[in-house]
Amino acid sequence: MDTAVWGAELATALAGSDERGHIYIVEPTGPFEDDPNVTNKRFPGNITQSYRTPHPVRVIRELETWRRHQPEVVESMLANIARLQEQGRDVIDD
């Protein structure tokens, strides 16, 4: 759940929005794999339950109740992202 919350919060913050992000419960319509940008690099295995697929996913429902991180925690994460970008280390594996 924490990974989904980070995704929602960072997506809105990086878009320059103060709105609360969205978290969806989805069902894959095709094959999927562990997301290498989250798993096996920072976290051995797939403890974050992060996946990716080139196929569409079916939205089952939106999760409407979730707790946001404190603003200073989000600001710290954004500062870390900016630092990685400055160092050229903000790499996404396709």
C-alpha atoms as a PDB file:
ATOM      1  CA  MET A   1       0.000   0.000   0.000  1.00  0.00           C
ATOM      2  CA  ASP A   2       2.828   2.395   0.816  1.00  0.00           C
ATOM      3  CA  THR A   3       4.195   2.019  -2.728  1.00  0.00           C
ATOM      4  CA  ALA A   4       0.802   2.930  -4.207  1.00  0.00           C
ATOM      5  CA  VAL A   5       0.551   5.961  -1.923  1.00  0.00           C
ATOM      6  CA  TRP A   6       4.022   7.117  -3.004  1.00  0.00           C
ATOM      7  CA  GLY A   7       3.040   6.702  -6.647  1.00  0.00           C
ATOM      8  CA  ALA A   8      -0.100   8.780  -6.206  1.00  0.00           C
ATOM      9  CA  GLU A   9       1.607  11.500  -4.187  1.00  0.00           C
ATOM     10  CA  LEU A  10       4.690  11.812  -6.366  1.00  0.00           C
ATOM     11  CA  ALA A  11       2.663  11.829  -9.596  1.00  0.00           C
ATOM     12  CA  THR A  12       0.618  14.798  -8.434  1.00  0.00           C
ATOM     13  CA  ALA A  13       3.572  16.616  -6.848  1.00  0.00           C
ATOM     14  CA  LEU A  14       5.744  16.230  -9.956  1.00  0.00           C
ATOM     15  CA  ALA A  15       2.820  17.482 -12.074  1.00  0.00           C
ATOM     16  CA  GLY A  16       2.685  20.581  -9.883  1.00  0.00           C
ATOM     17  CA  SER A  17      -0.725  19.725  -8.465  1.00  0.00           C
ATOM     18  CA  ASP A  18      -1.873  19.962  -4.859  1.00  0.00           C
ATOM     19  CA  GLU A  19      -4.721  17.535  -5.544  1.00  0.00           C
ATOM     20  CA  ARG A  20      -4.894  14.170  -3.877  1.00  0.00           C
ATOM     21  CA  GLY A  21      -3.717  11.464  -6.285  1.00  0.00           C
ATOM     22  CA  HIS A  22      -5.639   8.348  -7.259  1.00  0.00           C
ATOM     23  CA  ILE A  23      -5.024   4.708  -6.405  1.00  0.00           C
ATOM     24  CA  TYR A  24      -6.815   2.076  -8.453  1.00  0.00           C
ATOM     25  CA  ILE A  25      -7.353  -1.624  -7.903  1.00  0.00           C
ATOM     26  CA  VAL A  26      -6.674  -3.178 -11.307  1.00  0.00           C
ATOM     27  CA  GLU A  27      -6.734  -6.561 -13.008  1.00  0.00           C
ATOM     28  CA  PRO A  28      -4.248  -7.433 -15.769  1.00  0.00           C
ATOM     29  CA  THR A  29      -5.634  -8.419 -19.179  1.00  0.00           C
ATOM     30  CA  GLY A  30      -2.370  -9.988 -20.333  1.00  0.00           C
ATOM     31  CA  PRO A  31       1.018 -11.102 -19.065  1.00  0.00           C
ATOM     32  CA  PHE A  32       2.842  -8.913 -16.535  1.00  0.00           C
ATOM     33  CA  GLU A  33       6.248  -8.889 -14.871  1.00  0.00           C
ATOM     34  CA  ASP A  34       7.948  -7.520 -11.773  1.00  0.00           C
ATOM     35  CA  ASP A  35       8.809  -3.852 -12.293  1.00  0.00           C
ATOM     36  CA  PRO A  36      12.634  -3.771 -12.368  1.00  0.00           C
ATOM     37  CA  ASN A  37      12.619  -0.059 -11.493  1.00  0.00           C
ATOM     38  CA  VAL A  38      11.330  -0.911  -8.028  1.00  0.00           C
ATOM     39  CA  THR A  39      12.131  -4.555  -7.407  1.00  0.00           C
ATOM     40  CA  ASN A  40      15.473  -6.327  -7.267  1.00  0.00           C
ATOM     41  CA  LYS A  41      17.396  -3.052  -7.249  1.00  0.00           C
ATOM     42  CA  ARG A  42      16.326  -1.283  -4.099  1.00  0.00           C
ATOM     43  CA  PHE A  43      14.292  -4.149  -2.675  1.00  0.00           C
ATOM     44  CA  PRO A  44      15.219  -7.826  -3.148  1.00  0.00           C
ATOM     45  CA  GLY A  45      12.292  -9.766  -4.606  1.00  0.00           C
ATOM     46  CA  ASN A  46       8.994  -8.004  -5.078  1.00  0.00           C
ATOM     47  CA  ILE A  47       7.967  -6.936  -1.604  1.00  0.00           C
ATOM     48  CA  THR A  48       6.391  -3.781  -3.056  1.00  0.00           C
ATOM     49  CA  GLN A  49       4.137  -5.860  -5.321  1.00  0.00           C
ATOM     50  CA  SER A  50       5.049  -3.542  -8.221  1.00  0.00           C
ATOM     51  CA  TYR A  51       4.413  -4.848 -11.711  1.00  0.00           C
ATOM     52  CA  ARG A  52       4.399  -3.621 -15.293  1.00  0.00           C
ATOM     53  CA  THR A  53       2.791  -4.737 -18.520  1.00  0.00           C
ATOM     54  CA  PRO A  54       2.450  -3.451 -22.071  1.00  0.00           C
ATOM     55  CA  HIS A  55      -1.142  -4.720 -22.018  1.00  0.00           C
ATOM     56  CA  PRO A  56      -4.184  -2.800 -20.805  1.00  0.00           C
ATOM     57  CA  VAL A  57      -5.365  -3.272 -17.248  1.00  0.00           C
ATOM     58  CA  ARG A  58      -8.999  -3.344 -16.177  1.00  0.00           C
ATOM     59  CA  VAL A  59      -9.856  -0.880 -13.423  1.00  0.00           C
ATOM     60  CA  ILE A  60     -11.891  -2.715 -10.793  1.00  0.00           C
ATOM     61  CA  ARG A  61     -12.374   0.255  -8.495  1.00  0.00           C
ATOM     62  CA  GLU A  62     -10.703   3.307  -7.035  1.00  0.00           C
ATOM     63  CA  LEU A  63      -9.332   3.023  -3.522  1.00  0.00           C
ATOM     64  CA  GLU A  64     -10.729   6.130  -1.884  1.00  0.00           C
ATOM     65  CA  THR A  65      -9.451   5.730   1.671  1.00  0.00           C
ATOM     66  CA  TRP A  66      -5.708   5.989   2.143  1.00  0.00           C
ATOM     67  CA  ARG A  67      -3.422   8.003   4.379  1.00  0.00           C
ATOM     68  CA  ARG A  68      -1.106  10.587   2.874  1.00  0.00           C
ATOM     69  CA  HIS A  69       2.502  11.042   3.954  1.00  0.00           C
ATOM     70  CA  GLN A  70       3.339  14.141   5.948  1.00  0.00           C
ATOM     71  CA  PRO A  71       4.222  17.098   3.663  1.00  0.00           C
ATOM     72  CA  GLU A  72       7.829  17.210   4.906  1.00  0.00           C
ATOM     73  CA  VAL A  73       8.290  13.510   4.044  1.00  0.00           C
ATOM     74  CA  VAL A  74       7.043  14.130   0.481  1.00  0.00           C
ATOM     75  CA  GLU A  75       9.322  17.178   0.189  1.00  0.00           C
ATOM     76  CA  SER A  76      12.274  15.043   1.278  1.00  0.00           C
ATOM     77  CA  MET A  77      11.455  12.431  -1.375  1.00  0.00           C
ATOM     78  CA  LEU A  78      11.156  15.151  -4.043  1.00  0.00           C
ATOM     79  CA  ALA A  79      14.548  16.538  -2.975  1.00  0.00           C
ATOM     80  CA  ASN A  80      16.053  13.040  -3.336  1.00  0.00           C
ATOM     81  CA  ILE A  81      14.547  12.714  -6.824  1.00  0.00           C
ATOM     82  CA  ALA A  82      15.975  16.117  -7.803  1.00  0.00           C
ATOM     83  CA  ARG A  83      19.404  15.084  -6.479  1.00  0.00           C
ATOM     84  CA  LEU A  84      19.318  11.870  -8.550  1.00  0.00           C
ATOM     85  CA  GLN A  85      18.340  13.859 -11.638  1.00  0.00           C
ATOM     86  CA  GLU A  86      21.250  16.261 -11.102  1.00  0.00           C
ATOM     87  CA  GLN A  87      23.607  13.276 -10.818  1.00  0.00           C
ATOM     88  CA  GLY A  88      22.133  11.641 -13.938  1.00  0.00           C
ATOM     89  CA  ARG A  89      21.012   8.665 -11.872  1.00  0.00           C
ATOM     90  CA  ASP A  90      17.249   8.940 -12.449  1.00  0.00           C
ATOM     91  CA  VAL A  91      17.304   5.952 -14.813  1.00  0.00           C
ATOM     92  CA  ILE A  92      14.157   4.061 -15.774  1.00  0.00           C
ATOM     93  CA  ASP A  93      14.630   0.557 -17.188  1.00  0.00           C
ATOM     94  CA  ASP A  94      12.316  -0.182 -20.103  1.00  0.00           C
END
